[in-house]
């Protein structure tokens, strides 16, 4: 919690100003019963209408000042909370981007979504409390008691005797609510995870008639989550009626005792003073209730802060140094590289050594689970080898900042990344600031020109979230256009031609070879047609590099490559 509240430090002067304004508004509220008491004691008792009018004018002025101060304070507080929320959410997002794959998988996408939305919102309540309401509590309690004692000490002591009873009730309630919030937040993560699983795999789920199973899981998670939230709300809801009941009992006792003291003549307390005391009780009750709600809500904020703290405590991928001004020539070498996923029995990649010369076009081919995508992740520095080393132009990858590596590599990943927005926006992400002519040239090379020309709004055509209004091939070509626009020394195409027909793929490869000639190309594929024209083909099987060479060489000597070729072409030589 302490680290998270440090995000309020840049706004400390604005917080101080907001607290002063809210405190001034609270002082104005406390002055009103005193003025009203004077109206009753002097104006009404002496039938002095002019004095009543002056007091009413004074009350209007105090109320206006209080209202103005409150509005200004709340506006400042709202701005602080909004900025704090934005800063914290941006920091969480940045930290998530720096996580290792193991840390990311350990928490899970659903849990990280909850932390950056629901938990940040809950913690923001604390920022709102500090900048807006916190100062009100001591001002109401202390100011109300002091002003009450000015009217009558004995009656004020009766009030003070009842206030601790409220906190005796509040504290146990707060302790029982903490585990309920922790449990409900855990099931919010589970619910989000199941919902994501259902939405992503809805076709498979329907194909295997598993919809009811998923619905049962969601219903169970929702039931447990709702039960904990309802229990927490019921317990926190007990605070207000119990506190109001106790303080109303205090009012009855004070009125009764005040009446007895007035009849006995043991005090000069008047009806106006008792009226003022009752108003002070109401104001103090507000302070007590605010303090009580703060005590009750703090457990939820503490749970949210601890969950966000799990993100900030992630070690992430260590960076060797700041981003270097380094441009790769395109040479890549893997030296006895192995990688094992956390908890796995076997290595995903075992003792892989290969060398790629600058400007060379190579292909890595193999079946599902052969380690191709893991290899890409290591080339992009998403994962570090368990053993061995990756070199760029002879420089170890673990000594180069990841931003430098990714600045020099343009990559189309296996899973297409298409975002809501226009076609122009999606392609221009490869190189922000590119002209329309450059964007259209990249689209032309990616065989997307005809599709764009067929649209009435061309580059301004709106794409739905995740490219739902595009076919698989159109999404792949859009991502390829984005990669071409980046103009990097190294290009990686990770199974990025799989949704294209053979004619489109052939035209695309021909255009690519001409456009990025002299640049290093790495094609990760399962299709022989995508690999056979490469300068060197590396064949992987079960995480091992089993052979490499040209298409003709591999056909002659590599049985695995021959099997792949025969299964896809019917065994006819190309």
Protein backbone atom coordinates (compact mmCIF):
# COMPACT_ATOMS: atom_id res chain seq x y z
CA UNK A 1 0.00 0.00 0.00
CA UNK A 2 2.83 2.42 0.88
CA UNK A 3 4.46 2.01 -2.54
CA UNK A 4 1.17 2.47 -4.36
CA UNK A 5 0.31 5.62 -2.41
CA UNK A 6 3.70 7.02 -3.47
CA UNK A 7 1.98 7.72 -6.80
CA UNK A 8 0.19 10.56 -4.96
CA UNK A 9 3.50 12.29 -4.22
CA UNK A 10 3.51 14.45 -7.39
CA UNK A 11 0.13 15.85 -6.33
CA UNK A 12 0.98 16.59 -2.70
CA UNK A 13 0.44 20.36 -3.02
CA UNK A 14 -2.87 19.89 -4.77
CA UNK A 15 -3.86 17.39 -2.06
CA UNK A 16 -2.94 19.94 0.62
CA UNK A 17 -5.02 22.62 -1.14
CA UNK A 18 -7.99 20.25 -1.47
CA UNK A 19 -7.74 19.31 2.21
CA UNK A 20 -7.65 22.99 3.25
CA UNK A 21 -10.72 23.77 1.14
CA UNK A 22 -12.68 20.78 2.45
CA UNK A 23 -11.64 21.61 6.02
CA UNK A 24 -12.86 25.20 5.50
CA UNK A 25 -16.20 23.88 4.24
CA UNK A 26 -16.47 21.60 7.31
CA UNK A 27 -15.70 24.53 9.67
CA UNK A 28 -18.50 26.47 8.00
CA UNK A 29 -20.86 23.55 8.70
CA UNK A 30 -19.81 23.63 12.36
CA UNK A 31 -20.45 27.38 12.64
CA UNK A 32 -24.08 27.12 11.49
CA UNK A 33 -25.47 25.49 14.70
CA UNK A 34 -23.75 28.18 16.82
CA UNK A 35 -25.39 30.97 14.80
CA UNK A 36 -28.74 29.15 14.96
CA UNK A 37 -28.35 28.86 18.72
CA UNK A 38 -27.91 32.64 18.92
CA UNK A 39 -31.07 33.10 16.84
CA UNK A 40 -33.07 31.04 19.36
CA UNK A 41 -31.40 32.36 22.54
CA UNK A 42 -31.50 36.05 21.64
CA UNK A 43 -33.49 36.71 18.49
CA UNK A 44 -36.52 34.51 19.22
CA UNK A 45 -36.39 34.81 23.02
CA UNK A 46 -36.22 38.64 22.86
CA UNK A 47 -38.42 38.92 19.74
CA UNK A 48 -35.62 40.86 18.00
CA UNK A 49 -36.56 40.47 14.35
CA UNK A 50 -33.67 42.62 13.11
CA UNK A 51 -31.19 40.40 14.95
CA UNK A 52 -32.82 37.30 13.43
CA UNK A 53 -32.46 38.79 9.93
CA UNK A 54 -28.76 39.63 10.57
CA UNK A 55 -28.13 36.09 11.82
CA UNK A 56 -29.91 34.59 8.81
CA UNK A 57 -27.79 36.73 6.48
CA UNK A 58 -24.69 35.59 8.36
CA UNK A 59 -25.82 31.96 8.00
CA UNK A 60 -26.36 32.42 4.25
CA UNK A 61 -22.89 33.93 3.89
CA UNK A 62 -21.27 31.09 5.88
CA UNK A 63 -23.21 28.48 3.90
CA UNK A 64 -22.21 30.12 0.58
CA UNK A 65 -18.52 30.21 1.59
CA UNK A 66 -18.75 26.58 2.72
CA UNK A 67 -20.43 25.51 -0.53
CA UNK A 68 -17.84 27.32 -2.68
CA UNK A 69 -14.96 25.80 -0.69
CA UNK A 70 -16.53 22.33 -0.90
CA UNK A 71 -17.06 22.52 -4.68
CA UNK A 72 -13.49 23.75 -5.24
CA UNK A 73 -12.10 21.06 -2.93
CA UNK A 74 -14.10 18.28 -4.58
CA UNK A 75 -13.04 19.41 -8.06
CA UNK A 76 -9.39 19.33 -7.00
CA UNK A 77 -9.89 15.94 -5.37
CA UNK A 78 -11.58 14.51 -8.48
CA UNK A 79 -8.67 15.68 -10.65
CA UNK A 80 -6.13 14.16 -8.27
CA UNK A 81 -7.98 10.83 -8.21
CA UNK A 82 -8.26 10.76 -12.01
CA UNK A 83 -4.53 11.47 -12.44
CA UNK A 84 -3.59 8.97 -9.74
CA UNK A 85 -5.79 6.36 -11.39
CA UNK A 86 -4.19 7.02 -14.78
CA UNK A 87 -0.63 6.97 -13.41
CA UNK A 88 -1.18 3.76 -11.48
CA UNK A 89 -2.87 2.03 -14.41
CA UNK A 90 -0.04 3.10 -16.75
CA UNK A 91 2.55 1.82 -14.24
CA UNK A 92 0.75 -1.53 -13.97
CA UNK A 93 0.59 -1.79 -17.76
CA UNK A 94 4.29 -0.95 -18.07
CA UNK A 95 5.19 -3.48 -15.42
CA UNK A 96 3.13 -6.19 -17.11
CA UNK A 97 4.98 -5.51 -20.37
CA UNK A 98 8.26 -6.03 -18.51
CA UNK A 99 7.20 -9.37 -16.99
CA UNK A 100 8.81 -12.59 -18.04
CA UNK A 101 6.55 -15.13 -19.71
CA UNK A 102 6.68 -17.28 -16.56
CA UNK A 103 5.53 -14.41 -14.34
CA UNK A 104 2.82 -13.45 -16.82
CA UNK A 105 1.55 -17.02 -17.03
CA UNK A 106 1.71 -17.40 -13.24
CA UNK A 107 -0.75 -14.55 -12.68
CA UNK A 108 -2.73 -15.07 -15.86
CA UNK A 109 -4.36 -12.63 -18.27
CA UNK A 110 -7.68 -12.56 -16.41
CA UNK A 111 -6.02 -11.69 -13.08
CA UNK A 112 -3.91 -8.97 -14.70
CA UNK A 113 -7.02 -7.45 -16.28
CA UNK A 114 -8.73 -7.36 -12.88
CA UNK A 115 -5.68 -5.76 -11.28
CA UNK A 116 -5.47 -2.99 -13.87
CA UNK A 117 -9.20 -2.19 -13.72
CA UNK A 118 -11.14 -3.32 -10.64
CA UNK A 119 -8.21 -3.23 -8.18
CA UNK A 120 -6.88 0.12 -9.41
CA UNK A 121 -10.39 1.54 -9.05
CA UNK A 122 -10.64 0.22 -5.48
CA UNK A 123 -7.27 1.71 -4.52
CA UNK A 124 -8.34 5.02 -6.08
CA UNK A 125 -10.98 5.21 -3.36
CA UNK A 126 -8.12 5.64 -0.86
CA UNK A 127 -6.75 8.53 -2.95
CA UNK A 128 -10.23 10.06 -2.90
CA UNK A 129 -10.40 9.60 0.88
CA UNK A 130 -7.00 11.22 1.45
CA UNK A 131 -7.57 14.20 -0.85
CA UNK A 132 -11.23 14.78 -0.09
CA UNK A 133 -12.82 13.22 2.98
CA UNK A 134 -10.05 12.35 5.41
CA UNK A 135 -9.62 15.87 6.80
CA UNK A 136 -13.37 16.09 7.41
CA UNK A 137 -13.30 13.34 10.04
CA UNK A 138 -10.99 15.00 12.64
CA UNK A 139 -12.46 18.46 11.95
CA UNK A 140 -15.99 17.19 12.61
CA UNK A 141 -15.04 15.14 15.65
CA UNK A 142 -12.69 17.63 17.32
CA UNK A 143 -14.52 20.78 16.21
CA UNK A 144 -17.92 19.36 17.14
CA UNK A 145 -16.78 18.28 20.59
CA UNK A 146 -15.02 21.60 21.32
CA UNK A 147 -18.04 23.67 20.28
CA UNK A 148 -20.36 21.36 22.20
CA UNK A 149 -18.26 21.84 25.36
CA UNK A 150 -18.58 25.60 24.97
CA UNK A 151 -22.32 25.15 25.34
CA UNK A 152 -22.35 22.63 28.22
CA UNK A 153 -19.54 20.40 29.49
CA UNK A 154 -21.76 17.80 31.16
CA UNK A 155 -23.93 17.24 28.09
CA UNK A 156 -20.81 17.09 25.94
CA UNK A 157 -19.36 14.38 28.15
CA UNK A 158 -22.53 12.35 27.60
CA UNK A 159 -21.88 12.64 23.87
CA UNK A 160 -18.24 11.61 24.27
CA UNK A 161 -19.29 8.55 26.23
CA UNK A 162 -21.35 7.26 23.29
CA UNK A 163 -18.82 7.88 20.47
CA UNK A 164 -16.40 5.06 21.48
CA UNK A 165 -19.31 2.58 21.39
CA UNK A 166 -19.58 3.14 17.63
CA UNK A 167 -15.91 2.25 17.09
CA UNK A 168 -16.29 -0.82 19.31
CA UNK A 169 -18.87 -2.04 16.76
CA UNK A 170 -16.99 -0.87 13.65
CA UNK A 171 -13.61 -2.48 14.29
CA UNK A 172 -14.84 -6.11 14.54
CA UNK A 173 -16.96 -5.58 11.39
CA UNK A 174 -13.88 -4.35 9.50
CA UNK A 175 -11.85 -7.40 10.53
CA UNK A 176 -14.50 -9.84 9.28
CA UNK A 177 -14.87 -8.05 5.93
CA UNK A 178 -11.19 -8.33 4.91
CA UNK A 179 -11.18 -12.08 4.10
CA UNK A 180 -14.51 -11.74 2.27
CA UNK A 181 -13.07 -9.14 -0.11
CA UNK A 182 -9.95 -11.23 -0.66
CA UNK A 183 -12.03 -14.31 -1.54
CA UNK A 184 -14.43 -12.39 -3.81
CA UNK A 185 -11.54 -10.81 -5.75
CA UNK A 186 -10.02 -14.26 -6.27
CA UNK A 187 -13.25 -15.49 -7.82
CA UNK A 188 -13.53 -12.38 -10.01
CA UNK A 189 -10.22 -13.53 -11.55
CA UNK A 190 -11.57 -17.05 -11.98
CA UNK A 191 -14.78 -15.75 -13.55
CA UNK A 192 -12.84 -13.56 -16.01
CA UNK A 193 -10.55 -16.46 -16.89
CA UNK A 194 -13.47 -18.80 -17.66
CA UNK A 195 -15.24 -16.11 -19.69
CA UNK A 196 -12.08 -15.50 -21.75
CA UNK A 197 -11.69 -19.24 -22.26
CA UNK A 198 -15.29 -19.47 -23.42
CA UNK A 199 -15.11 -16.54 -25.82
CA UNK A 200 -11.78 -17.58 -27.35
CA UNK A 201 -12.78 -21.20 -27.80
CA UNK A 202 -16.48 -20.84 -28.48
CA UNK A 203 -16.38 -22.81 -31.75
CA UNK A 204 -14.51 -25.73 -30.19
CA UNK A 205 -16.78 -25.65 -27.14
CA UNK A 206 -19.87 -25.83 -29.35
CA UNK A 207 -18.34 -28.53 -31.52
CA UNK A 208 -17.79 -30.76 -28.49
CA UNK A 209 -21.07 -29.71 -26.81
CA UNK A 210 -19.29 -28.36 -23.72
CA UNK A 211 -21.32 -25.17 -23.34
CA UNK A 212 -23.16 -26.42 -20.28
CA UNK A 213 -19.90 -27.37 -18.53
CA UNK A 214 -18.53 -23.86 -19.06
CA UNK A 215 -21.80 -22.30 -17.92
CA UNK A 216 -21.71 -24.39 -14.75
CA UNK A 217 -18.14 -23.25 -14.04
CA UNK A 218 -19.08 -19.59 -14.58
CA UNK A 219 -22.22 -19.99 -12.45
CA UNK A 220 -20.21 -21.55 -9.62
CA UNK A 221 -17.55 -18.81 -9.71
CA UNK A 222 -20.23 -16.11 -9.87
CA UNK A 223 -22.15 -17.68 -6.98
CA UNK A 224 -19.09 -17.80 -4.70
CA UNK A 225 -18.04 -14.27 -5.71
CA UNK A 226 -21.54 -12.86 -5.18
CA UNK A 227 -21.95 -14.66 -1.85
CA UNK A 228 -18.75 -13.09 -0.50
CA UNK A 229 -19.62 -9.63 -1.82
CA UNK A 230 -23.16 -9.83 -0.39
CA UNK A 231 -21.84 -10.94 3.00
CA UNK A 232 -19.31 -8.08 2.98
CA UNK A 233 -22.00 -5.55 2.00
CA UNK A 234 -24.45 -6.85 4.62
CA UNK A 235 -21.84 -6.53 7.35
CA UNK A 236 -20.74 -3.07 6.25
CA UNK A 237 -24.42 -2.13 5.94
CA UNK A 238 -24.88 -2.83 9.66
CA UNK A 239 -22.61 0.12 10.44
CA UNK A 240 -24.97 2.94 9.54
CA UNK A 241 -28.12 1.82 11.42
CA UNK A 242 -26.14 0.77 14.50
CA UNK A 243 -24.16 4.03 14.61
CA UNK A 244 -27.27 6.15 14.03
CA UNK A 245 -29.18 4.22 16.72
CA UNK A 246 -26.40 4.72 19.30
CA UNK A 247 -26.04 8.43 18.52
CA UNK A 248 -29.84 8.95 18.59
CA UNK A 249 -29.85 7.33 22.02
CA UNK A 250 -27.15 9.87 22.91
CA UNK A 251 -29.43 12.68 21.70
CA UNK A 252 -32.33 11.39 23.83
CA UNK A 253 -30.11 11.16 26.89
CA UNK A 254 -28.71 14.67 26.25
CA UNK A 255 -32.18 16.20 25.76
CA UNK A 256 -33.50 14.47 28.88
CA UNK A 257 -30.45 15.44 30.97
CA UNK A 258 -30.53 19.00 29.57
CA UNK A 259 -34.19 19.37 30.50
CA UNK A 260 -33.55 18.13 34.04
CA UNK A 261 -30.61 20.53 34.42
CA UNK A 262 -32.70 23.45 33.13
CA UNK A 263 -35.53 22.61 35.56
CA UNK A 264 -33.16 22.18 38.47
CA UNK A 265 -31.38 25.44 37.62
CA UNK A 266 -27.95 23.83 38.03
CA UNK A 267 -26.88 25.11 34.61
CA UNK A 268 -27.46 28.15 32.45
CA UNK A 269 -27.98 25.92 29.42
CA UNK A 270 -30.83 27.15 27.23
CA UNK A 271 -33.14 25.63 24.64
CA UNK A 272 -30.99 27.14 21.89
CA UNK A 273 -27.90 25.52 23.40
CA UNK A 274 -29.61 22.11 23.46
CA UNK A 275 -30.66 22.66 19.83
CA UNK A 276 -27.05 23.45 18.94
CA UNK A 277 -25.83 20.38 20.82
CA UNK A 278 -28.24 18.18 18.88
CA UNK A 279 -26.88 19.66 15.63
CA UNK A 280 -23.34 18.97 16.82
CA UNK A 281 -24.34 15.38 17.53
CA UNK A 282 -25.57 15.10 13.93
CA UNK A 283 -22.31 16.54 12.60
CA UNK A 284 -20.21 14.34 14.85
CA UNK A 285 -22.32 11.40 13.75
CA UNK A 286 -21.37 12.18 10.14
CA UNK A 287 -17.71 12.21 11.15
CA UNK A 288 -18.10 8.93 13.03
CA UNK A 289 -19.90 7.30 10.10
CA UNK A 290 -17.24 8.50 7.65
CA UNK A 291 -14.53 7.10 9.91
CA UNK A 292 -16.48 3.88 10.24
CA UNK A 293 -16.92 3.47 6.50
CA UNK A 294 -13.22 4.20 6.05
CA UNK A 295 -12.36 1.44 8.50
CA UNK A 296 -14.76 -0.94 6.75
CA UNK A 297 -13.54 -0.07 3.24
CA UNK A 298 -9.82 -0.13 4.01
CA UNK A 299 -9.71 -3.98 4.01
CA UNK A 300 -10.99 -3.99 0.41
CA UNK A 301 -8.41 -1.38 -0.55
CA UNK A 302 -5.71 -3.36 1.27
CA UNK A 303 -6.63 -6.52 -0.68
CA UNK A 304 -6.57 -4.57 -3.96
CA UNK A 305 -3.22 -2.96 -3.08
CA UNK A 306 -1.70 -6.36 -2.23
CA UNK A 307 -2.91 -7.76 -5.56
CA UNK A 308 -1.45 -4.81 -7.47
CA UNK A 309 1.70 -5.25 -5.40
CA UNK A 310 2.07 -8.75 -6.89
CA UNK A 311 2.48 -7.08 -10.30
CA UNK A 312 5.04 -4.57 -9.03
CA UNK A 313 6.98 -7.25 -7.16
CA UNK A 314 7.52 -9.24 -10.37
CA UNK A 315 11.22 -9.28 -11.20
CA UNK A 316 10.61 -9.01 -14.93
CA UNK A 317 13.21 -9.63 -17.58
CA UNK A 318 16.49 -8.01 -16.47
CA UNK A 319 17.72 -5.28 -18.81
CA UNK A 320 21.51 -5.08 -19.29
CA UNK A 321 21.62 -1.31 -19.89
CA UNK A 322 19.91 1.58 -21.58
CA UNK A 323 18.80 1.45 -25.20
CA UNK A 324 21.83 1.51 -27.46
CA UNK A 325 22.18 3.42 -30.73
CA UNK A 326 22.92 0.20 -32.60
CA UNK A 327 21.86 -0.97 -36.04
CA UNK A 328 22.24 -4.66 -36.83
CA UNK A 329 23.93 -5.86 -40.00
CA UNK A 330 21.70 -8.93 -39.84
CA UNK A 331 24.06 -11.66 -38.70
CA UNK A 332 22.58 -14.07 -36.13
CA UNK A 333 24.17 -17.01 -34.36
CA UNK A 334 22.74 -19.52 -31.88
CA UNK A 335 25.35 -21.38 -29.90
CA UNK A 336 24.26 -24.59 -28.10
CA UNK A 337 20.93 -23.01 -27.15
CA UNK A 338 18.52 -24.95 -24.94
CA UNK A 339 15.30 -23.81 -23.29
CA UNK A 340 13.05 -25.49 -20.75
CA UNK A 341 9.68 -24.09 -19.73
CA UNK A 342 9.12 -23.77 -16.00
CA UNK A 343 7.74 -27.05 -14.62
CA UNK A 344 8.32 -28.93 -17.89
CA UNK A 345 9.98 -32.36 -17.82
CA UNK A 346 11.82 -31.88 -21.09
CA UNK A 347 13.43 -29.00 -22.95
CA UNK A 348 11.35 -27.31 -25.64
CA UNK A 349 14.63 -26.64 -27.49
CA UNK A 350 17.74 -28.76 -26.99
CA UNK A 351 21.29 -27.84 -28.00
CA UNK A 352 20.42 -25.84 -31.12
CA UNK A 353 23.32 -24.23 -32.98
CA UNK A 354 22.84 -22.34 -36.24
CA UNK A 355 24.32 -19.38 -38.06
CA UNK A 356 22.62 -16.86 -40.36
CA UNK A 357 24.72 -14.56 -42.51
CA UNK A 358 23.66 -10.92 -43.04
CA UNK A 359 21.16 -10.64 -45.90
CA UNK A 360 20.52 -14.39 -45.99
CA UNK A 361 17.02 -15.83 -46.33
CA UNK A 362 16.54 -18.90 -44.16
CA UNK A 363 13.54 -21.04 -43.28
CA UNK A 364 12.89 -23.06 -40.15
CA UNK A 365 10.48 -25.92 -40.82
CA UNK A 366 9.01 -28.57 -38.56
CA UNK A 367 5.78 -29.97 -37.23
CA UNK A 368 3.68 -28.68 -34.34
CA UNK A 369 5.63 -28.77 -31.09
CA UNK A 370 9.03 -28.88 -32.77
CA UNK A 371 10.17 -25.68 -30.99
CA UNK A 372 9.86 -23.17 -33.85
CA UNK A 373 7.83 -20.54 -31.95
CA UNK A 374 10.04 -20.89 -28.87
CA UNK A 375 13.00 -20.13 -31.12
CA UNK A 376 11.26 -16.93 -32.31
CA UNK A 377 10.60 -15.87 -28.72
CA UNK A 378 14.31 -16.17 -27.93
CA UNK A 379 15.30 -14.22 -31.04
CA UNK A 380 12.93 -11.43 -29.91
CA UNK A 381 14.32 -11.67 -26.35
CA UNK A 382 10.92 -12.58 -24.91
CA UNK A 383 12.67 -15.53 -23.30
CA UNK A 384 16.28 -16.08 -22.36
CA UNK A 385 17.92 -19.45 -23.12
CA UNK A 386 18.20 -21.89 -20.22
CA UNK A 387 21.70 -22.61 -21.55
CA UNK A 388 23.73 -21.43 -24.52
CA UNK A 389 23.68 -17.98 -26.10
CA UNK A 390 22.12 -15.98 -28.92
CA UNK A 391 24.35 -13.49 -30.79
CA UNK A 392 23.47 -10.55 -33.04
CA UNK A 393 26.41 -9.52 -35.22
CA UNK A 394 28.69 -11.32 -32.76
CA UNK A 395 27.29 -9.43 -29.73
CA UNK A 396 25.57 -11.58 -27.05
CA UNK A 397 21.82 -10.86 -27.00
CA UNK A 398 21.75 -10.76 -23.18
CA UNK A 399 24.06 -7.71 -23.26
CA UNK A 400 21.77 -5.76 -25.62
CA UNK A 401 18.74 -3.85 -24.43
CA UNK A 402 15.50 -5.47 -25.58
CA UNK A 403 14.26 -2.24 -27.16
CA UNK A 404 17.38 -2.18 -29.30
CA UNK A 405 16.80 -5.78 -30.38
CA UNK A 406 13.16 -5.17 -31.31
CA UNK A 407 13.97 -1.91 -33.05
CA UNK A 408 16.20 -3.91 -35.41
CA UNK A 409 13.74 -6.77 -35.98
CA UNK A 410 10.42 -6.56 -37.81
CA UNK A 411 8.26 -9.53 -36.97
CA UNK A 412 4.94 -11.03 -37.98
CA UNK A 413 3.92 -13.41 -35.22
CA UNK A 414 1.92 -16.59 -35.61
CA UNK A 415 -1.11 -15.01 -33.97
CA UNK A 416 -2.23 -12.02 -36.04
CA UNK A 417 -2.39 -8.73 -34.15
CA UNK A 418 -5.13 -6.61 -35.71
CA UNK A 419 -6.74 -3.76 -33.77
CA UNK A 420 -9.94 -1.76 -34.00
CA UNK A 421 -9.42 1.36 -36.10
CA UNK A 422 -8.74 2.05 -39.76
CA UNK A 423 -6.57 0.06 -42.16
CA UNK A 424 -4.25 3.09 -42.26
CA UNK A 425 -3.91 3.06 -38.46
CA UNK A 426 -3.11 -0.66 -38.38
CA UNK A 427 -0.43 -0.51 -41.07
CA UNK A 428 1.08 2.77 -39.83
CA UNK A 429 1.80 1.20 -36.43
CA UNK A 430 4.87 -0.31 -38.13
CA UNK A 431 6.32 3.18 -38.61
CA UNK A 432 4.32 6.04 -37.10
CA UNK A 433 4.44 9.11 -39.29
CA UNK A 434 4.63 7.19 -42.59
CA UNK A 435 3.02 8.88 -45.58
CA UNK A 436 0.00 7.51 -47.44
CA UNK A 437 2.24 6.63 -50.37
CA UNK A 438 4.53 4.57 -48.11
CA UNK A 439 1.56 2.86 -46.48
CA UNK A 440 0.05 2.01 -49.87
CA UNK A 441 3.42 0.70 -51.11
CA UNK A 442 3.63 -1.63 -48.09
CA UNK A 443 0.05 -2.75 -48.72
CA UNK A 444 0.88 -3.37 -52.39
CA UNK A 445 3.87 -5.55 -51.47
CA UNK A 446 1.66 -7.48 -49.02
CA UNK A 447 -0.86 -8.15 -51.84
CA UNK A 448 -3.44 -6.02 -50.06
CA UNK A 449 -3.80 -3.30 -52.72
CA UNK A 450 -6.71 -4.96 -54.52
CA UNK A 451 -8.66 -5.44 -51.32
CA UNK A 452 -8.14 -1.80 -50.28
CA UNK A 453 -9.14 -0.59 -53.78
CA UNK A 454 -12.40 -2.58 -53.53
CA UNK A 455 -13.43 -0.68 -50.40
CA UNK A 456 -15.37 2.58 -50.84
CA UNK A 457 -13.37 4.28 -48.07
CA UNK A 458 -10.00 2.69 -48.89
CA UNK A 459 -7.39 3.15 -46.17
CA UNK A 460 -10.05 4.73 -43.93
CA UNK A 461 -12.04 1.49 -43.82
CA UNK A 462 -12.90 0.71 -40.19
CA UNK A 463 -11.68 -2.61 -38.80
CA UNK A 464 -13.58 -4.19 -35.94
CA UNK A 465 -11.93 -5.42 -32.76
CA UNK A 466 -9.46 -8.26 -33.48
CA UNK A 467 -10.23 -7.88 -37.20
CA UNK A 468 -13.59 -9.62 -37.00
CA UNK A 469 -14.66 -8.15 -40.35
CA UNK A 470 -11.53 -9.49 -42.10
CA UNK A 471 -10.68 -12.97 -43.32
CA UNK A 472 -7.69 -14.86 -41.97
CA UNK A 473 -5.65 -14.14 -45.10
CA UNK A 474 -6.52 -10.42 -45.02
CA UNK A 475 -5.41 -10.19 -41.40
CA UNK A 476 -2.10 -11.91 -42.18
CA UNK A 477 -1.44 -9.61 -45.15
CA UNK A 478 -2.29 -6.56 -43.02
CA UNK A 479 0.30 -7.66 -40.43
CA UNK A 480 2.86 -8.32 -43.18
CA UNK A 481 2.27 -4.82 -44.60
CA UNK A 482 2.89 -3.37 -41.13
CA UNK A 483 6.14 -5.36 -40.83
CA UNK A 484 7.36 -4.26 -44.29
CA UNK A 485 6.68 -0.61 -43.43
CA UNK A 486 9.01 -0.81 -40.43
CA UNK A 487 12.12 -1.18 -42.65
CA UNK A 488 14.34 -3.21 -40.31
CA UNK A 489 17.57 -5.11 -41.02
CA UNK A 490 16.03 -8.42 -39.86
CA UNK A 491 12.56 -9.79 -40.74
CA UNK A 492 10.90 -12.74 -39.02
CA UNK A 493 7.76 -14.32 -40.48
CA UNK A 494 6.38 -16.81 -37.95
CA UNK A 495 3.95 -19.05 -39.85
CA UNK A 496 2.49 -15.86 -41.34
CA UNK A 497 1.54 -17.31 -44.77
CA UNK A 498 -0.60 -20.20 -43.48
CA UNK A 499 -3.96 -18.58 -44.32
CA UNK A 500 -2.94 -17.57 -47.86
CA UNK A 501 -3.70 -19.54 -50.98
CA UNK A 502 -0.68 -20.79 -52.91
CA UNK A 503 -0.96 -18.20 -55.72
CA UNK A 504 -1.21 -15.26 -53.30
CA UNK A 505 1.66 -16.67 -51.26
CA UNK A 506 3.84 -17.05 -54.36
CA UNK A 507 3.13 -13.45 -55.44
CA UNK A 508 3.75 -12.19 -51.92
CA UNK A 509 7.06 -14.05 -51.56
CA UNK A 510 8.23 -12.76 -54.93
CA UNK A 511 7.36 -9.16 -53.98
CA UNK A 512 8.99 -9.57 -50.56
CA UNK A 513 12.21 -10.95 -51.99
CA UNK A 514 12.49 -7.93 -54.29
CA UNK A 515 11.49 -5.34 -51.67
CA UNK A 516 13.70 -6.50 -48.81
CA UNK A 517 16.60 -7.90 -50.80
CA UNK A 518 19.79 -7.69 -48.76
CA UNK A 519 17.88 -7.90 -45.47
CA UNK A 520 17.99 -11.00 -43.28
CA UNK A 521 14.78 -13.04 -43.57
CA UNK A 522 13.75 -15.79 -41.18
CA UNK A 523 10.65 -17.72 -42.24
CA UNK A 524 9.13 -20.02 -39.63
CA UNK A 525 6.74 -22.40 -41.31
CA UNK A 526 5.13 -25.82 -41.59
CA UNK A 527 4.62 -25.45 -45.34
CA UNK A 528 7.30 -26.68 -47.73
CA UNK A 529 6.22 -24.13 -50.36
CA UNK A 530 7.14 -21.33 -47.93
CA UNK A 531 10.56 -22.84 -47.19
CA UNK A 532 11.84 -24.48 -50.37
CA UNK A 533 13.22 -21.31 -52.01
CA UNK A 534 15.23 -20.20 -48.96
CA UNK A 535 19.03 -20.03 -49.05
CA UNK A 536 19.16 -22.43 -46.10
CA UNK A 537 16.43 -24.57 -44.55
CA UNK A 538 16.74 -25.68 -40.92
CA UNK A 539 14.68 -28.75 -40.04
CA UNK A 540 13.50 -29.07 -36.44
CA UNK A 541 11.93 -32.07 -34.75
CA UNK A 542 11.02 -32.39 -31.06
CA UNK A 543 13.09 -29.37 -30.10
CA UNK A 544 16.23 -30.43 -31.92
CA UNK A 545 17.85 -29.18 -35.11
CA UNK A 546 18.11 -32.39 -37.13
CA UNK A 547 19.53 -31.06 -40.40
CA UNK A 548 20.02 -27.98 -42.56
CA UNK A 549 20.76 -27.23 -46.18
CA UNK A 550 19.04 -26.30 -49.42
CA UNK A 551 15.80 -27.86 -50.57
CA UNK A 552 17.61 -30.17 -52.98
CA UNK A 553 20.13 -31.27 -50.34
CA UNK A 554 17.46 -31.99 -47.74
CA UNK A 555 15.27 -33.93 -50.17
CA UNK A 556 18.28 -36.13 -50.85
CA UNK A 557 19.39 -36.83 -47.28
CA UNK A 558 16.80 -35.74 -44.63
CA UNK A 559 14.00 -38.26 -44.05
CA UNK A 560 11.92 -35.86 -41.90
CA UNK A 561 12.02 -33.16 -44.57
CA UNK A 562 11.13 -35.73 -47.24
CA UNK A 563 8.13 -36.84 -45.18
CA UNK A 564 6.90 -33.27 -44.82
CA UNK A 565 7.42 -32.65 -48.53
CA UNK A 566 5.66 -35.86 -49.56
CA UNK A 567 2.68 -35.26 -47.26
CA UNK A 568 2.11 -31.77 -48.71
CA UNK A 569 2.90 -32.29 -52.39
CA UNK A 570 2.19 -35.95 -52.98
CA UNK A 571 5.90 -36.66 -53.35
CA UNK A 572 6.37 -34.84 -56.65
CA UNK A 573 9.71 -33.07 -56.97
CA UNK A 574 9.56 -29.29 -57.40
